[in-house]
Amino acid sequence: MKSSSIDHERALKIILAPQISEKATLIAEKNNQIVFRVLPSADKTEIKAAVEYLWKSQKIEVTKVQISNIKGKEKRFGRNMGRRPNWKKAYVSVKKGQEINFSEITKGED
């Protein structure tokens, strides 16, 4: 993957939220990966650039990005059937010894 530049607004739109679960915690401890919910239209290079841009004050280096599309489940709401939305999950590997602090995000232009 080649690194590309990205603007602040697009970076904030790509990374929606960290995915926090038991599985995500185990992956973070074992493989030094962080799991994010991302924009369904985002690709690997955009995700890498967005993570490196948002946490550039911590000098985070992304080594690998893996993407998984999660299909929404069908759920019953009373007598009506509904469907949860589809979403995209990104497994972001950071350089060994680095850790993302979620309270420190780059704020706008430097």
PDB file of N, CA and C in Angstrom:
ATOM      1  N   MET A   1       0.831  -1.181   0.000  1.00  0.00           N
ATOM      2  CA  MET A   1       0.000   0.000   0.000  1.00  0.00           C
ATOM      3  C   MET A   1       0.868   1.235   0.000  1.00  0.00           C
ATOM      4  N   LYS A   2       0.543   2.184  -0.854  1.00  0.00           N
ATOM      5  CA  LYS A   2       1.287   3.416  -0.828  1.00  0.00           C
ATOM      6  C   LYS A   2       0.538   4.435   0.014  1.00  0.00           C
ATOM      7  N   SER A   3       1.289   5.282   0.674  1.00  0.00           N
ATOM      8  CA  SER A   3       0.707   6.279   1.551  1.00  0.00           C
ATOM      9  C   SER A   3       0.217   7.463   0.738  1.00  0.00           C
ATOM     10  N   SER A   4      -0.941   8.006   1.071  1.00  0.00           N
ATOM     11  CA  SER A   4      -1.458   9.171   0.385  1.00  0.00           C
ATOM     12  C   SER A   4      -1.822  10.235   1.405  1.00  0.00           C
ATOM     13  N   SER A   5      -1.839  11.490   0.958  1.00  0.00           N
ATOM     14  CA  SER A   5      -2.207  12.567   1.861  1.00  0.00           C
ATOM     15  C   SER A   5      -3.731  12.668   1.907  1.00  0.00           C
ATOM     16  N   ILE A   6      -4.220  13.211   3.009  1.00  0.00           N
ATOM     17  CA  ILE A   6      -5.659  13.281   3.210  1.00  0.00           C
ATOM     18  C   ILE A   6      -5.960  14.551   3.989  1.00  0.00           C
ATOM     19  N   ASP A   7      -7.112  15.163   3.737  1.00  0.00           N
ATOM     20  CA  ASP A   7      -7.457  16.368   4.488  1.00  0.00           C
ATOM     21  C   ASP A   7      -8.205  16.001   5.770  1.00  0.00           C
ATOM     22  N   HIS A   8      -8.290  16.967   6.681  1.00  0.00           N
ATOM     23  CA  HIS A   8      -8.836  16.728   8.020  1.00  0.00           C
ATOM     24  C   HIS A   8     -10.304  16.295   7.975  1.00  0.00           C
ATOM     25  N   GLU A   9     -11.084  16.949   7.141  1.00  0.00           N
ATOM     26  CA  GLU A   9     -12.511  16.637   7.060  1.00  0.00           C
ATOM     27  C   GLU A   9     -12.752  15.207   6.583  1.00  0.00           C
ATOM     28  N   ARG A  10     -12.033  14.786   5.551  1.00  0.00           N
ATOM     29  CA  ARG A  10     -12.193  13.421   5.029  1.00  0.00           C
ATOM     30  C   ARG A  10     -11.727  12.389   6.055  1.00  0.00           C
ATOM     31  N   ALA A  11     -10.632  12.686   6.770  1.00  0.00           N
ATOM     32  CA  ALA A  11     -10.115  11.755   7.782  1.00  0.00           C
ATOM     33  C   ALA A  11     -11.142  11.531   8.887  1.00  0.00           C
ATOM     34  N   LEU A  12     -11.816  12.594   9.308  1.00  0.00           N
ATOM     35  CA  LEU A  12     -12.832  12.461  10.349  1.00  0.00           C
ATOM     36  C   LEU A  12     -14.062  11.700   9.862  1.00  0.00           C
ATOM     37  N   LYS A  13     -14.357  11.771   8.571  1.00  0.00           N
ATOM     38  CA  LYS A  13     -15.505  11.045   8.020  1.00  0.00           C
ATOM     39  C   LYS A  13     -15.205   9.560   7.843  1.00  0.00           C
ATOM     40  N   ILE A  14     -13.953   9.214   7.546  1.00  0.00           N
ATOM     41  CA  ILE A  14     -13.590   7.817   7.285  1.00  0.00           C
ATOM     42  C   ILE A  14     -13.635   6.979   8.553  1.00  0.00           C
ATOM     43  N   ILE A  15     -12.977   7.440   9.619  1.00  0.00           N
ATOM     44  CA  ILE A  15     -12.938   6.700  10.882  1.00  0.00           C
ATOM     45  C   ILE A  15     -14.168   7.093  11.692  1.00  0.00           C
ATOM     46  N   LEU A  16     -15.134   6.185  11.803  1.00  0.00           N
ATOM     47  CA  LEU A  16     -16.373   6.488  12.510  1.00  0.00           C
ATOM     48  C   LEU A  16     -16.226   6.304  14.018  1.00  0.00           C
ATOM     49  N   ALA A  17     -15.658   5.165  14.441  1.00  0.00           N
ATOM     50  CA  ALA A  17     -15.527   4.893  15.874  1.00  0.00           C
ATOM     51  C   ALA A  17     -14.652   3.663  16.087  1.00  0.00           C
ATOM     52  N   PRO A  18     -14.004   3.566  17.242  1.00  0.00           N
ATOM     53  CA  PRO A  18     -13.323   2.308  17.547  1.00  0.00           C
ATOM     54  C   PRO A  18     -14.369   1.255  17.902  1.00  0.00           C
ATOM     55  N   GLN A  19     -14.143   0.028  17.488  1.00  0.00           N
ATOM     56  CA  GLN A  19     -15.057  -1.076  17.798  1.00  0.00           C
ATOM     57  C   GLN A  19     -14.555  -1.731  19.070  1.00  0.00           C
ATOM     58  N   ILE A  20     -15.337  -1.647  20.127  1.00  0.00           N
ATOM     59  CA  ILE A  20     -14.907  -2.182  21.410  1.00  0.00           C
ATOM     60  C   ILE A  20     -15.738  -3.411  21.744  1.00  0.00           C
ATOM     61  N   SER A  21     -15.056  -4.548  21.836  1.00  0.00           N
ATOM     62  CA  SER A  21     -15.694  -5.814  22.183  1.00  0.00           C
ATOM     63  C   SER A  21     -14.618  -6.719  22.780  1.00  0.00           C
ATOM     64  N   GLU A  22     -15.021  -7.894  23.243  1.00  0.00           N
ATOM     65  CA  GLU A  22     -14.039  -8.842  23.782  1.00  0.00           C
ATOM     66  C   GLU A  22     -13.060  -9.270  22.698  1.00  0.00           C
ATOM     67  N   LYS A  23     -13.593  -9.557  21.512  1.00  0.00           N
ATOM     68  CA  LYS A  23     -12.746  -9.986  20.402  1.00  0.00           C
ATOM     69  C   LYS A  23     -11.751  -8.887  20.014  1.00  0.00           C
ATOM     70  N   ALA A  24     -12.212  -7.644  19.950  1.00  0.00           N
ATOM     71  CA  ALA A  24     -11.333  -6.523  19.591  1.00  0.00           C
ATOM     72  C   ALA A  24     -10.247  -6.318  20.639  1.00  0.00           C
ATOM     73  N   THR A  25     -10.562  -6.517  21.902  1.00  0.00           N
ATOM     74  CA  THR A  25      -9.574  -6.385  22.978  1.00  0.00           C
ATOM     75  C   THR A  25      -8.522  -7.474  22.891  1.00  0.00           C
ATOM     76  N   LEU A  26      -8.942  -8.708  22.617  1.00  0.00           N
ATOM     77  CA  LEU A  26      -7.987  -9.806  22.456  1.00  0.00           C
ATOM     78  C   LEU A  26      -7.061  -9.575  21.265  1.00  0.00           C
ATOM     79  N   ILE A  27      -7.623  -9.091  20.168  1.00  0.00           N
ATOM     80  CA  ILE A  27      -6.822  -8.810  18.977  1.00  0.00           C
ATOM     81  C   ILE A  27      -5.817  -7.700  19.263  1.00  0.00           C
ATOM     82  N   ALA A  28      -6.245  -6.687  20.005  1.00  0.00           N
ATOM     83  CA  ALA A  28      -5.352  -5.570  20.336  1.00  0.00           C
ATOM     84  C   ALA A  28      -4.168  -6.045  21.173  1.00  0.00           C
ATOM     85  N   GLU A  29      -4.430  -6.919  22.138  1.00  0.00           N
ATOM     86  CA  GLU A  29      -3.355  -7.417  23.004  1.00  0.00           C
ATOM     87  C   GLU A  29      -2.437  -8.389  22.273  1.00  0.00           C
ATOM     88  N   LYS A  30      -3.013  -9.274  21.484  1.00  0.00           N
ATOM     89  CA  LYS A  30      -2.243 -10.339  20.851  1.00  0.00           C
ATOM     90  C   LYS A  30      -1.495  -9.876  19.594  1.00  0.00           C
ATOM     91  N   ASN A  31      -2.169  -9.138  18.713  1.00  0.00           N
ATOM     92  CA  ASN A  31      -1.608  -8.811  17.401  1.00  0.00           C
ATOM     93  C   ASN A  31      -1.236  -7.350  17.210  1.00  0.00           C
ATOM     94  N   ASN A  32      -1.394  -6.529  18.250  1.00  0.00           N
ATOM     95  CA  ASN A  32      -1.106  -5.097  18.156  1.00  0.00           C
ATOM     96  C   ASN A  32      -1.942  -4.456  17.040  1.00  0.00           C
ATOM     97  N   GLN A  33      -3.242  -4.796  17.003  1.00  0.00           N
ATOM     98  CA  GLN A  33      -4.176  -4.255  16.028  1.00  0.00           C
ATOM     99  C   GLN A  33      -5.299  -3.518  16.743  1.00  0.00           C
ATOM    100  N   ILE A  34      -5.821  -2.495  16.081  1.00  0.00           N
ATOM    101  CA  ILE A  34      -6.960  -1.756  16.596  1.00  0.00           C
ATOM    102  C   ILE A  34      -8.094  -1.943  15.598  1.00  0.00           C
ATOM    103  N   VAL A  35      -9.312  -2.134  16.096  1.00  0.00           N
ATOM    104  CA  VAL A  35     -10.469  -2.367  15.237  1.00  0.00           C
ATOM    105  C   VAL A  35     -11.308  -1.091  15.208  1.00  0.00           C
ATOM    106  N   PHE A  36     -11.633  -0.618  13.991  1.00  0.00           N
ATOM    107  CA  PHE A  36     -12.434   0.589  13.797  1.00  0.00           C
ATOM    108  C   PHE A  36     -13.648   0.283  12.951  1.00  0.00           C
ATOM    109  N   ARG A  37     -14.762   1.002  13.215  1.00  0.00           N
ATOM    110  CA  ARG A  37     -15.870   1.079  12.273  1.00  0.00           C
ATOM    111  C   ARG A  37     -15.481   2.171  11.295  1.00  0.00           C
ATOM    112  N   VAL A  38     -15.597   1.880  10.006  1.00  0.00           N
ATOM    113  CA  VAL A  38     -15.192   2.861   8.999  1.00  0.00           C
ATOM    114  C   VAL A  38     -16.312   3.090   7.990  1.00  0.00           C
ATOM    115  N   LEU A  39     -16.158   4.132   7.211  1.00  0.00           N
ATOM    116  CA  LEU A  39     -17.109   4.467   6.164  1.00  0.00           C
ATOM    117  C   LEU A  39     -17.161   3.335   5.141  1.00  0.00           C
ATOM    118  N   PRO A  40     -18.346   2.891   4.737  1.00  0.00           N
ATOM    119  CA  PRO A  40     -18.434   1.770   3.788  1.00  0.00           C
ATOM    120  C   PRO A  40     -17.734   2.010   2.455  1.00  0.00           C
ATOM    121  N   SER A  41     -17.556   3.247   2.051  1.00  0.00           N
ATOM    122  CA  SER A  41     -16.905   3.534   0.775  1.00  0.00           C
ATOM    123  C   SER A  41     -15.385   3.693   0.902  1.00  0.00           C
ATOM    124  N   ALA A  42     -14.845   3.609   2.109  1.00  0.00           N
ATOM    125  CA  ALA A  42     -13.402   3.811   2.323  1.00  0.00           C
ATOM    126  C   ALA A  42     -12.611   2.586   1.889  1.00  0.00           C
ATOM    127  N   ASP A  43     -11.401   2.827   1.349  1.00  0.00           N
ATOM    128  CA  ASP A  43     -10.528   1.723   0.996  1.00  0.00           C
ATOM    129  C   ASP A  43      -9.313   1.702   1.935  1.00  0.00           C
ATOM    130  N   LYS A  44      -8.441   0.715   1.737  1.00  0.00           N
ATOM    131  CA  LYS A  44      -7.325   0.505   2.658  1.00  0.00           C
ATOM    132  C   LYS A  44      -6.373   1.697   2.715  1.00  0.00           C
ATOM    133  N   THR A  45      -6.061   2.285   1.585  1.00  0.00           N
ATOM    134  CA  THR A  45      -5.111   3.403   1.585  1.00  0.00           C
ATOM    135  C   THR A  45      -5.691   4.622   2.293  1.00  0.00           C
ATOM    136  N   GLU A  46      -6.984   4.861   2.118  1.00  0.00           N
ATOM    137  CA  GLU A  46      -7.633   5.980   2.813  1.00  0.00           C
ATOM    138  C   GLU A  46      -7.666   5.751   4.312  1.00  0.00           C
ATOM    139  N   ILE A  47      -7.932   4.530   4.729  1.00  0.00           N
ATOM    140  CA  ILE A  47      -7.984   4.214   6.164  1.00  0.00           C
ATOM    141  C   ILE A  47      -6.607   4.396   6.789  1.00  0.00           C
ATOM    142  N   LYS A  48      -5.578   3.902   6.111  1.00  0.00           N
ATOM    143  CA  LYS A  48      -4.205   4.060   6.608  1.00  0.00           C
ATOM    144  C   LYS A  48      -3.844   5.534   6.737  1.00  0.00           C
ATOM    145  N   ALA A  49      -4.133   6.319   5.703  1.00  0.00           N
ATOM    146  CA  ALA A  49      -3.814   7.746   5.726  1.00  0.00           C
ATOM    147  C   ALA A  49      -4.598   8.471   6.817  1.00  0.00           C
ATOM    148  N   ALA A  50      -5.867   8.091   7.021  1.00  0.00           N
ATOM    149  CA  ALA A  50      -6.691   8.742   8.036  1.00  0.00           C
ATOM    150  C   ALA A  50      -6.175   8.460   9.444  1.00  0.00           C
ATOM    151  N   VAL A  51      -5.806   7.214   9.725  1.00  0.00           N
ATOM    152  CA  VAL A  51      -5.285   6.869  11.057  1.00  0.00           C
ATOM    153  C   VAL A  51      -3.969   7.590  11.321  1.00  0.00           C
ATOM    154  N   GLU A  52      -3.075   7.583  10.335  1.00  0.00           N
ATOM    155  CA  GLU A  52      -1.791   8.263  10.514  1.00  0.00           C
ATOM    156  C   GLU A  52      -1.978   9.771  10.654  1.00  0.00           C
ATOM    157  N   TYR A  53      -2.960  10.352   9.965  1.00  0.00           N
ATOM    158  CA  TYR A  53      -3.204  11.788  10.055  1.00  0.00           C
ATOM    159  C   TYR A  53      -3.820  12.160  11.407  1.00  0.00           C
ATOM    160  N   LEU A  54      -4.834  11.410  11.849  1.00  0.00           N
ATOM    161  CA  LEU A  54      -5.535  11.755  13.085  1.00  0.00           C
ATOM    162  C   LEU A  54      -4.660  11.593  14.324  1.00  0.00           C
ATOM    163  N   TRP A  55      -3.719  10.669  14.288  1.00  0.00           N
ATOM    164  CA  TRP A  55      -2.838  10.456  15.437  1.00  0.00           C
ATOM    165  C   TRP A  55      -1.382  10.786  15.088  1.00  0.00           C
ATOM    166  N   LYS A  56      -1.191  11.823  14.256  1.00  0.00           N
ATOM    167  CA  LYS A  56       0.177  12.177  13.869  1.00  0.00           C
ATOM    168  C   LYS A  56       0.957  12.798  15.020  1.00  0.00           C
ATOM    169  N   SER A  57       0.278  13.338  16.030  1.00  0.00           N
ATOM    170  CA  SER A  57       0.987  13.873  17.197  1.00  0.00           C
ATOM    171  C   SER A  57       1.665  12.747  17.985  1.00  0.00           C
ATOM    172  N   GLN A  58       1.136  11.520  17.893  1.00  0.00           N
ATOM    173  CA  GLN A  58       1.738  10.356  18.550  1.00  0.00           C
ATOM    174  C   GLN A  58       2.690   9.616  17.628  1.00  0.00           C
ATOM    175  N   LYS A  59       2.827  10.097  16.379  1.00  0.00           N
ATOM    176  CA  LYS A  59       3.709   9.484  15.370  1.00  0.00           C
ATOM    177  C   LYS A  59       3.374   8.006  15.141  1.00  0.00           C
ATOM    178  N   ILE A  60       2.082   7.717  14.946  1.00  0.00           N
ATOM    179  CA  ILE A  60       1.609   6.359  14.693  1.00  0.00           C
ATOM    180  C   ILE A  60       1.961   5.963  13.260  1.00  0.00           C
ATOM    181  N   GLU A  61       2.545   4.775  13.101  1.00  0.00           N
ATOM    182  CA  GLU A  61       2.846   4.224  11.783  1.00  0.00           C
ATOM    183  C   GLU A  61       2.005   2.961  11.578  1.00  0.00           C
ATOM    184  N   VAL A  62       1.176   2.971  10.550  1.00  0.00           N
ATOM    185  CA  VAL A  62       0.322   1.827  10.223  1.00  0.00           C
ATOM    186  C   VAL A  62       1.113   0.888   9.320  1.00  0.00           C
ATOM    187  N   THR A  63       1.183  -0.386   9.708  1.00  0.00           N
ATOM    188  CA  THR A  63       1.904  -1.361   8.901  1.00  0.00           C
ATOM    189  C   THR A  63       0.986  -2.126   7.960  1.00  0.00           C
ATOM    190  N   LYS A  64      -0.269  -2.359   8.395  1.00  0.00           N
ATOM    191  CA  LYS A  64      -1.183  -3.156   7.577  1.00  0.00           C
ATOM    192  C   LYS A  64      -2.622  -2.813   7.928  1.00  0.00           C
ATOM    193  N   VAL A  65      -3.504  -2.900   6.933  1.00  0.00           N
ATOM    194  CA  VAL A  65      -4.936  -2.683   7.134  1.00  0.00           C
ATOM    195  C   VAL A  65      -5.681  -3.848   6.509  1.00  0.00           C
ATOM    196  N   GLN A  66      -6.578  -4.458   7.276  1.00  0.00           N
ATOM    197  CA  GLN A  66      -7.455  -5.510   6.768  1.00  0.00           C
ATOM    198  C   GLN A  66      -8.892  -5.028   6.919  1.00  0.00           C
ATOM    199  N   ILE A  67      -9.724  -5.335   5.926  1.00  0.00           N
ATOM    200  CA  ILE A  67     -11.101  -4.842   5.911  1.00  0.00           C
ATOM    201  C   ILE A  67     -12.072  -6.023   5.908  1.00  0.00           C
ATOM    202  N   SER A  68     -13.177  -5.842   6.624  1.00  0.00           N
ATOM    203  CA  SER A  68     -14.231  -6.846   6.652  1.00  0.00           C
ATOM    204  C   SER A  68     -15.578  -6.148   6.517  1.00  0.00           C
ATOM    205  N   ASN A  69     -16.403  -6.609   5.577  1.00  0.00           N
ATOM    206  CA  ASN A  69     -17.757  -6.081   5.421  1.00  0.00           C
ATOM    207  C   ASN A  69     -18.698  -6.923   6.269  1.00  0.00           C
ATOM    208  N   ILE A  70     -19.430  -6.265   7.154  1.00  0.00           N
ATOM    209  CA  ILE A  70     -20.355  -6.953   8.051  1.00  0.00           C
ATOM    210  C   ILE A  70     -21.779  -6.740   7.528  1.00  0.00           C
ATOM    211  N   LYS A  71     -22.484  -7.847   7.297  1.00  0.00           N
ATOM    212  CA  LYS A  71     -23.854  -7.752   6.810  1.00  0.00           C
ATOM    213  C   LYS A  71     -24.808  -7.575   7.988  1.00  0.00           C
ATOM    214  N   GLY A  72     -25.784  -6.695   7.820  1.00  0.00           N
ATOM    215  CA  GLY A  72     -26.777  -6.439   8.858  1.00  0.00           C
ATOM    216  C   GLY A  72     -27.714  -7.616   9.048  1.00  0.00           C
ATOM    217  N   LYS A  73     -28.082  -7.835  10.291  1.00  0.00           N
ATOM    218  CA  LYS A  73     -28.985  -8.949  10.598  1.00  0.00           C
ATOM    219  C   LYS A  73     -30.442  -8.553  10.383  1.00  0.00           C
ATOM    220  N   GLU A  74     -31.268  -9.553  10.085  1.00  0.00           N
ATOM    221  CA  GLU A  74     -32.700  -9.330  10.043  1.00  0.00           C
ATOM    222  C   GLU A  74     -33.234  -9.456  11.463  1.00  0.00           C
ATOM    223  N   LYS A  75     -34.045  -8.498  11.876  1.00  0.00           N
ATOM    224  CA  LYS A  75     -34.602  -8.487  13.224  1.00  0.00           C
ATOM    225  C   LYS A  75     -36.106  -8.257  13.150  1.00  0.00           C
ATOM    226  N   ARG A  76     -36.801  -8.793  14.133  1.00  0.00           N
ATOM    227  CA  ARG A  76     -38.244  -8.620  14.204  1.00  0.00           C
ATOM    228  C   ARG A  76     -38.551  -7.464  15.167  1.00  0.00           C
ATOM    229  N   PHE A  77     -39.402  -6.542  14.700  1.00  0.00           N
ATOM    230  CA  PHE A  77     -39.874  -5.436  15.521  1.00  0.00           C
ATOM    231  C   PHE A  77     -41.389  -5.578  15.631  1.00  0.00           C
ATOM    232  N   GLY A  78     -41.847  -6.236  16.693  1.00  0.00           N
ATOM    233  CA  GLY A  78     -43.268  -6.543  16.810  1.00  0.00           C
ATOM    234  C   GLY A  78     -43.628  -7.585  15.781  1.00  0.00           C
ATOM    235  N   ARG A  79     -44.557  -7.256  14.911  1.00  0.00           N
ATOM    236  CA  ARG A  79     -44.898  -8.211  13.851  1.00  0.00           C
ATOM    237  C   ARG A  79     -44.233  -7.865  12.525  1.00  0.00           C
ATOM    238  N   ASN A  80     -43.428  -6.814  12.506  1.00  0.00           N
ATOM    239  CA  ASN A  80     -42.738  -6.402  11.285  1.00  0.00           C
ATOM    240  C   ASN A  80     -41.302  -6.897  11.297  1.00  0.00           C
ATOM    241  N   MET A  81     -40.824  -7.275  10.124  1.00  0.00           N
ATOM    242  CA  MET A  81     -39.415  -7.651  10.000  1.00  0.00           C
ATOM    243  C   MET A  81     -38.630  -6.411   9.574  1.00  0.00           C
ATOM    244  N   GLY A  82     -37.506  -6.229  10.216  1.00  0.00           N
ATOM    245  CA  GLY A  82     -36.636  -5.109   9.885  1.00  0.00           C
ATOM    246  C   GLY A  82     -35.232  -5.621   9.601  1.00  0.00           C
ATOM    247  N   ARG A  83     -34.353  -4.728   9.231  1.00  0.00           N
ATOM    248  CA  ARG A  83     -32.986  -5.109   8.921  1.00  0.00           C
ATOM    249  C   ARG A  83     -32.038  -4.052   9.455  1.00  0.00           C
ATOM    250  N   ARG A  84     -31.017  -4.508  10.160  1.00  0.00           N
ATOM    251  CA  ARG A  84     -29.967  -3.598  10.601  1.00  0.00           C
ATOM    252  C   ARG A  84     -29.084  -3.260   9.406  1.00  0.00           C
ATOM    253  N   PRO A  85     -28.457  -2.097   9.420  1.00  0.00           N
ATOM    254  CA  PRO A  85     -27.639  -1.705   8.258  1.00  0.00           C
ATOM    255  C   PRO A  85     -26.333  -2.490   8.152  1.00  0.00           C
ATOM    256  N   ASN A  86     -25.831  -2.621   6.924  1.00  0.00           N
ATOM    257  CA  ASN A  86     -24.508  -3.202   6.703  1.00  0.00           C
ATOM    258  C   ASN A  86     -23.460  -2.174   7.107  1.00  0.00           C
ATOM    259  N   TRP A  87     -22.274  -2.638   7.531  1.00  0.00           N
ATOM    260  CA  TRP A  87     -21.204  -1.718   7.898  1.00  0.00           C
ATOM    261  C   TRP A  87     -19.851  -2.354   7.618  1.00  0.00           C
ATOM    262  N   LYS A  88     -18.809  -1.568   7.699  1.00  0.00           N
ATOM    263  CA  LYS A  88     -17.461  -2.023   7.369  1.00  0.00           C
ATOM    264  C   LYS A  88     -16.574  -1.884   8.594  1.00  0.00           C
ATOM    265  N   LYS A  89     -15.754  -2.918   8.809  1.00  0.00           N
ATOM    266  CA  LYS A  89     -14.832  -2.964   9.934  1.00  0.00           C
ATOM    267  C   LYS A  89     -13.406  -3.011   9.393  1.00  0.00           C
ATOM    268  N   ALA A  90     -12.498  -2.266  10.019  1.00  0.00           N
ATOM    269  CA  ALA A  90     -11.095  -2.260   9.592  1.00  0.00           C
ATOM    270  C   ALA A  90     -10.206  -2.676  10.758  1.00  0.00           C
ATOM    271  N   TYR A  91      -9.335  -3.651  10.496  1.00  0.00           N
ATOM    272  CA  TYR A  91      -8.328  -4.073  11.458  1.00  0.00           C
ATOM    273  C   TYR A  91      -7.032  -3.352  11.081  1.00  0.00           C
ATOM    274  N   VAL A  92      -6.573  -2.445  11.936  1.00  0.00           N
ATOM    275  CA  VAL A  92      -5.409  -1.624  11.640  1.00  0.00           C
ATOM    276  C   VAL A  92      -4.239  -2.091  12.495  1.00  0.00           C
ATOM    277  N   SER A  93      -3.170  -2.550  11.846  1.00  0.00           N
ATOM    278  CA  SER A  93      -1.957  -2.971  12.554  1.00  0.00           C
ATOM    279  C   SER A  93      -1.013  -1.786  12.650  1.00  0.00           C
ATOM    280  N   VAL A  94      -0.543  -1.511  13.862  1.00  0.00           N
ATOM    281  CA  VAL A  94       0.419  -0.429  14.058  1.00  0.00           C
ATOM    282  C   VAL A  94       1.790  -1.020  14.340  1.00  0.00           C
ATOM    283  N   LYS A  95       2.809  -0.199  14.165  1.00  0.00           N
ATOM    284  CA  LYS A  95       4.183  -0.629  14.357  1.00  0.00           C
ATOM    285  C   LYS A  95       4.379  -1.135  15.790  1.00  0.00           C
ATOM    286  N   LYS A  96       5.210  -2.134  15.939  1.00  0.00           N
ATOM    287  CA  LYS A  96       5.444  -2.751  17.241  1.00  0.00           C
ATOM    288  C   LYS A  96       5.925  -1.707  18.254  1.00  0.00           C
ATOM    289  N   GLY A  97       5.342  -1.738  19.439  1.00  0.00           N
ATOM    290  CA  GLY A  97       5.701  -0.805  20.497  1.00  0.00           C
ATOM    291  C   GLY A  97       4.851   0.451  20.520  1.00  0.00           C
ATOM    292  N   GLN A  98       4.017   0.670  19.497  1.00  0.00           N
ATOM    293  CA  GLN A  98       3.161   1.847  19.452  1.00  0.00           C
ATOM    294  C   GLN A  98       1.762   1.502  19.929  1.00  0.00           C
ATOM    295  N   GLU A  99       1.103   2.498  20.503  1.00  0.00           N
ATOM    296  CA  GLU A  99      -0.261   2.316  20.982  1.00  0.00           C
ATOM    297  C   GLU A  99      -1.028   3.606  20.753  1.00  0.00           C
ATOM    298  N   ILE A 100      -2.254   3.500  20.280  1.00  0.00           N
ATOM    299  CA  ILE A 100      -3.068   4.683  20.002  1.00  0.00           C
ATOM    300  C   ILE A 100      -3.772   5.127  21.275  1.00  0.00           C
ATOM    301  N   ASN A 101      -3.623   6.414  21.596  1.00  0.00           N
ATOM    302  CA  ASN A 101      -4.343   7.027  22.698  1.00  0.00           C
ATOM    303  C   ASN A 101      -5.533   7.764  22.090  1.00  0.00           C
ATOM    304  N   PHE A 102      -6.750   7.296  22.354  1.00  0.00           N
ATOM    305  CA  PHE A 102      -7.929   7.835  21.697  1.00  0.00           C
ATOM    306  C   PHE A 102      -8.305   9.228  22.182  1.00  0.00           C
ATOM    307  N   SER A 103      -7.753   9.690  23.283  1.00  0.00           N
ATOM    308  CA  SER A 103      -8.068  11.027  23.771  1.00  0.00           C
ATOM    309  C   SER A 103      -7.256  12.100  23.053  1.00  0.00           C
ATOM    310  N   GLU A 104      -6.230  11.709  22.301  1.00  0.00           N
ATOM    311  CA  GLU A 104      -5.391  12.673  21.592  1.00  0.00           C
ATOM    312  C   GLU A 104      -5.570  12.520  20.089  1.00  0.00           C
ATOM    313  N   ILE A 105      -6.451  13.343  19.524  1.00  0.00           N
ATOM    314  CA  ILE A 105      -6.672  13.353  18.074  1.00  0.00           C
ATOM    315  C   ILE A 105      -6.224  14.711  17.561  1.00  0.00           C
ATOM    316  N   THR A 106      -5.588  14.735  16.397  1.00  0.00           N
ATOM    317  CA  THR A 106      -5.136  15.982  15.799  1.00  0.00           C
ATOM    318  C   THR A 106      -6.333  16.856  15.496  1.00  0.00           C
ATOM    319  N   LYS A 107      -6.261  18.112  15.927  1.00  0.00           N
ATOM    320  CA  LYS A 107      -7.380  19.034  15.760  1.00  0.00           C
ATOM    321  C   LYS A 107      -7.099  20.004  14.621  1.00  0.00           C
ATOM    322  N   GLY A 108      -7.615  19.705  13.455  1.00  0.00           N
ATOM    323  CA  GLY A 108      -7.537  20.631  12.334  1.00  0.00           C
ATOM    324  C   GLY A 108      -6.166  20.817  11.766  1.00  0.00           C
ATOM    325  N   GLU A 109      -5.942  22.027  11.258  1.00  0.00           N
ATOM    326  CA  GLU A 109      -4.710  22.335  10.536  1.00  0.00           C
ATOM    327  C   GLU A 109      -3.580  22.691  11.498  1.00  0.00           C
ATOM    328  N   ASP A 110      -2.373  22.301  11.103  1.00  0.00           N
ATOM    329  CA  ASP A 110      -1.195  22.627  11.904  1.00  0.00           C
ATOM    330  C   ASP A 110      -0.452  23.792  11.317  1.00  0.00           C
TER     331      ASP A 110
END
